[in-house]
C-alpha atoms as a PDB file:
ATOM      1  CA  MET A   1       0.000   0.000   0.000  1.00  0.00           C
ATOM      2  CA  GLY A   2       3.061   2.275   0.048  1.00  0.00           C
ATOM      3  CA  ALA A   3       2.295   3.422  -3.510  1.00  0.00           C
ATOM      4  CA  PHE A   4      -1.016   4.881  -2.346  1.00  0.00           C
ATOM      5  CA  ASN A   5       0.276   7.277   0.305  1.00  0.00           C
ATOM      6  CA  SER A   6      -1.190  10.520  -0.977  1.00  0.00           C
ATOM      7  CA  THR A   7      -4.467  11.637  -2.490  1.00  0.00           C
ATOM      8  CA  THR A   8      -2.700  12.963  -5.600  1.00  0.00           C
ATOM      9  CA  THR A   9      -0.779   9.755  -6.180  1.00  0.00           C
ATOM     10  CA  ASN A  10      -3.869   7.662  -5.490  1.00  0.00           C
ATOM     11  CA  SER A  11      -5.872   9.709  -7.963  1.00  0.00           C
ATOM     12  CA  THR A  12      -3.158   9.404 -10.623  1.00  0.00           C
ATOM     13  CA  TYR A  13      -2.932   5.626 -10.257  1.00  0.00           C
ATOM     14  CA  LYS A  14      -6.688   5.344 -10.246  1.00  0.00           C
ATOM     15  CA  ASP A  15      -6.983   7.396 -13.438  1.00  0.00           C
ATOM     16  CA  LEU A  16      -4.307   5.322 -15.172  1.00  0.00           C
ATOM     17  CA  LEU A  17      -5.287   1.844 -14.003  1.00  0.00           C
ATOM     18  CA  SER A  18      -9.067   1.869 -13.565  1.00  0.00           C
ATOM     19  CA  PRO A  19      -9.909   1.676 -17.296  1.00  0.00           C
ATOM     20  CA  LEU A  20      -7.648  -1.389 -17.702  1.00  0.00           C
ATOM     21  CA  THR A  21      -8.812  -4.849 -16.701  1.00  0.00           C
ATOM     22  CA  VAL A  22      -6.912  -8.017 -15.911  1.00  0.00           C
ATOM     23  CA  GLN A  23      -8.274  -9.543 -19.126  1.00  0.00           C
ATOM     24  CA  SER A  24      -6.797  -6.672 -21.158  1.00  0.00           C
ATOM     25  CA  LEU A  25      -3.313  -7.947 -20.253  1.00  0.00           C
ATOM     26  CA  VAL A  26      -3.934 -11.420 -21.663  1.00  0.00           C
ATOM     27  CA  ARG A  27      -2.984 -11.982 -25.284  1.00  0.00           C
ATOM     28  CA  PRO A  28      -5.727 -13.601 -27.399  1.00  0.00           C
ATOM     29  CA  GLU A  29      -3.642 -16.738 -27.984  1.00  0.00           C
ATOM     30  CA  GLN A  30      -3.112 -17.284 -24.257  1.00  0.00           C
ATOM     31  CA  GLN A  31      -5.350 -19.667 -22.384  1.00  0.00           C
ATOM     32  CA  LEU A  32      -6.138 -19.537 -18.723  1.00  0.00           C
ATOM     33  CA  VAL A  33      -5.099 -22.785 -17.110  1.00  0.00           C
ATOM     34  CA  LYS A  34      -7.085 -23.897 -14.081  1.00  0.00           C
ATOM     35  CA  LEU A  35      -6.809 -27.091 -12.111  1.00  0.00           C
ATOM     36  CA  SER A  36      -9.754 -28.729 -10.412  1.00  0.00           C
ATOM     37  CA  THR A  37      -9.763 -29.458  -6.693  1.00  0.00           C
ATOM     38  CA  THR A  38     -10.411 -33.093  -7.617  1.00  0.00           C
ATOM     39  CA  SER A  39      -7.424 -33.346  -9.984  1.00  0.00           C
ATOM     40  CA  SER A  40      -4.653 -35.632  -8.829  1.00  0.00           C
ATOM     41  CA  VAL A  41      -1.205 -34.208  -8.198  1.00  0.00           C
ATOM     42  CA  GLY A  42       0.080 -36.328 -11.084  1.00  0.00           C
ATOM     43  CA  ALA A  43      -2.529 -34.888 -13.466  1.00  0.00           C
ATOM     44  CA  ALA A  44      -1.812 -31.351 -12.249  1.00  0.00           C
ATOM     45  CA  LEU A  45       1.927 -31.763 -12.819  1.00  0.00           C
ATOM     46  CA  LYS A  46       1.235 -33.077 -16.303  1.00  0.00           C
ATOM     47  CA  VAL A  47      -0.835 -29.961 -17.124  1.00  0.00           C
ATOM     48  CA  LEU A  48       1.892 -27.668 -15.779  1.00  0.00           C
ATOM     49  CA  ALA A  49       4.516 -29.466 -17.852  1.00  0.00           C
ATOM     50  CA  GLU A  50       2.409 -29.464 -21.023  1.00  0.00           C
ATOM     51  CA  LYS A  51       1.677 -25.737 -20.694  1.00  0.00           C
ATOM     52  CA  ARG A  52       5.270 -24.981 -19.659  1.00  0.00           C
ATOM     53  CA  ILE A  53       4.162 -23.141 -16.529  1.00  0.00           C
ATOM     54  CA  LEU A  54       5.125 -23.465 -12.876  1.00  0.00           C
ATOM     55  CA  SER A  55       1.787 -22.798 -11.195  1.00  0.00           C
ATOM     56  CA  ALA A  56      -1.949 -22.600 -11.770  1.00  0.00           C
ATOM     57  CA  PRO A  57      -5.042 -21.637  -9.789  1.00  0.00           C
ATOM     58  CA  VAL A  58      -7.118 -24.439  -8.309  1.00  0.00           C
ATOM     59  CA  TRP A  59     -10.861 -24.120  -8.997  1.00  0.00           C
ATOM     60  CA  ASP A  60     -13.539 -25.514  -6.693  1.00  0.00           C
ATOM     61  CA  GLU A  61     -16.587 -26.196  -8.844  1.00  0.00           C
ATOM     62  CA  ALA A  62     -18.933 -26.609  -5.857  1.00  0.00           C
ATOM     63  CA  GLN A  63     -17.947 -23.227  -4.394  1.00  0.00           C
ATOM     64  CA  LYS A  64     -17.548 -21.605  -7.836  1.00  0.00           C
ATOM     65  CA  LYS A  65     -14.268 -19.984  -6.850  1.00  0.00           C
ATOM     66  CA  ASP A  66     -10.508 -20.351  -6.886  1.00  0.00           C
ATOM     67  CA  VAL A  67      -9.256 -21.807  -3.620  1.00  0.00           C
ATOM     68  CA  GLY A  68      -5.580 -21.064  -4.154  1.00  0.00           C
ATOM     69  CA  PHE A  69      -2.617 -21.925  -6.326  1.00  0.00           C
ATOM     70  CA  PHE A  70      -0.695 -25.143  -6.863  1.00  0.00           C
ATOM     71  CA  ASP A  71       2.915 -24.878  -7.942  1.00  0.00           C
ATOM     72  CA  VAL A  72       5.983 -27.031  -8.271  1.00  0.00           C
ATOM     73  CA  LEU A  73       7.286 -25.815  -4.898  1.00  0.00           C
ATOM     74  CA  ASP A  74       4.136 -27.173  -3.246  1.00  0.00           C
ATOM     75  CA  PHE A  75       4.809 -30.530  -4.884  1.00  0.00           C
ATOM     76  CA  VAL A  76       8.499 -30.625  -3.959  1.00  0.00           C
ATOM     77  CA  GLY A  77       7.786 -29.709  -0.336  1.00  0.00           C
ATOM     78  CA  TYR A  78       4.999 -32.257  -0.018  1.00  0.00           C
ATOM     79  CA  LEU A  79       7.098 -34.956  -1.668  1.00  0.00           C
ATOM     80  CA  GLN A  80       9.969 -34.212   0.668  1.00  0.00           C
ATOM     81  CA  ASP A  81       7.661 -34.527   3.693  1.00  0.00           C
ATOM     82  CA  HIS A  82       5.557 -37.502   2.510  1.00  0.00           C
ATOM     83  CA  GLY A  83       7.241 -39.268  -0.375  1.00  0.00           C
ATOM     84  CA  ASN A  84       9.426 -41.982   1.061  1.00  0.00           C
ATOM     85  CA  VAL A  85      10.412 -43.711  -2.173  1.00  0.00           C
ATOM     86  CA  ALA A  86      11.650 -46.779  -0.302  1.00  0.00           C
ATOM     87  CA  ASN A  87       8.104 -47.759   0.658  1.00  0.00           C
ATOM     88  CA  ASN A  88       6.438 -46.600  -2.571  1.00  0.00           C
ATOM     89  CA  ALA A  89       4.742 -43.675  -0.843  1.00  0.00           C
ATOM     90  CA  ALA A  90       5.772 -41.468  -3.776  1.00  0.00           C
ATOM     91  CA  ALA A  91       3.104 -43.137  -5.920  1.00  0.00           C
ATOM     92  CA  ALA A  92       0.501 -42.177  -3.323  1.00  0.00           C
ATOM     93  CA  VAL A  93       1.639 -38.542  -3.554  1.00  0.00           C
ATOM     94  CA  PHE A  94       0.879 -38.508  -7.283  1.00  0.00           C
ATOM     95  CA  ALA A  95      -2.625 -39.842  -6.572  1.00  0.00           C
ATOM     96  CA  THR A  96      -3.332 -37.226  -3.869  1.00  0.00           C
ATOM     97  CA  GLU A  97      -5.947 -34.575  -4.712  1.00  0.00           C
ATOM     98  CA  VAL A  98      -4.139 -31.405  -5.719  1.00  0.00           C
ATOM     99  CA  VAL A  99      -6.263 -29.259  -3.383  1.00  0.00           C
ATOM    100  CA  LYS A 100      -4.427 -30.844  -0.437  1.00  0.00           C
ATOM    101  CA  LEU A 101      -1.187 -29.282  -1.669  1.00  0.00           C
ATOM    102  CA  VAL A 102      -2.504 -25.766  -2.362  1.00  0.00           C
ATOM    103  CA  ASN A 103       0.121 -23.363  -0.976  1.00  0.00           C
ATOM    104  CA  TYR A 104       1.899 -26.219   0.816  1.00  0.00           C
ATOM    105  CA  SER A 105       5.159 -24.300   0.393  1.00  0.00           C
ATOM    106  CA  ARG A 106       3.567 -21.210   1.959  1.00  0.00           C
ATOM    107  CA  ARG A 107       5.308 -19.105  -0.666  1.00  0.00           C
ATOM    108  CA  ASP A 108       2.417 -17.982  -2.825  1.00  0.00           C
ATOM    109  CA  PRO A 109      -0.654 -16.751  -1.009  1.00  0.00           C
ATOM    110  CA  ALA A 110      -3.393 -16.433  -3.597  1.00  0.00           C
ATOM    111  CA  LEU A 111      -4.878 -13.191  -4.773  1.00  0.00           C
ATOM    112  CA  THR A 112      -7.579 -14.252  -7.185  1.00  0.00           C
ATOM    113  CA  VAL A 113      -9.527 -11.816  -9.307  1.00  0.00           C
ATOM    114  CA  SER A 114     -11.792 -12.050 -12.312  1.00  0.00           C
ATOM    115  CA  GLY A 115     -10.806 -10.878 -15.759  1.00  0.00           C
ATOM    116  CA  LYS A 116     -13.170  -7.925 -15.351  1.00  0.00           C
ATOM    117  CA  THR A 117     -11.342  -6.595 -12.285  1.00  0.00           C
ATOM    118  CA  SER A 118      -9.630  -3.250 -12.900  1.00  0.00           C
ATOM    119  CA  LEU A 119      -5.879  -3.101 -12.473  1.00  0.00           C
ATOM    120  CA  PHE A 120      -6.392  -0.368  -9.891  1.00  0.00           C
ATOM    121  CA  GLU A 121      -8.412  -2.810  -7.728  1.00  0.00           C
ATOM    122  CA  VAL A 122      -5.686  -5.444  -8.122  1.00  0.00           C
ATOM    123  CA  VAL A 123      -2.964  -3.023  -6.992  1.00  0.00           C
ATOM    124  CA  LYS A 124      -5.069  -1.900  -4.005  1.00  0.00           C
ATOM    125  CA  ARG A 125      -5.413  -5.530  -2.845  1.00  0.00           C
ATOM    126  CA  MET A 126      -1.667  -6.191  -2.961  1.00  0.00           C
END
């Protein structure tokens, strides 16, 4: 919130950013990748690899909202804590529902917004 420390600055940012939306930053050829809360970790990692990305939001269909992000750091941390390869527990990690690993690394708290959200609103929430 340091950027919004004066009325003049706030007004300037608001004037510049309010007309722009999150969706306006996305190129037409880009696709939004979302994972389902019921996706397995293995399936989620496959999607990340195929799309050449490191993280994606996790969508809860029942709640109709994003519940957080899953990223490769969440997987690595969870695997380190639960994936004893000697007893084949690693296979169980891949079958785990991805929602159980959302922000496991505690390094990416989610700030989810819709494509219609103005960039000014996004900056205010940060």
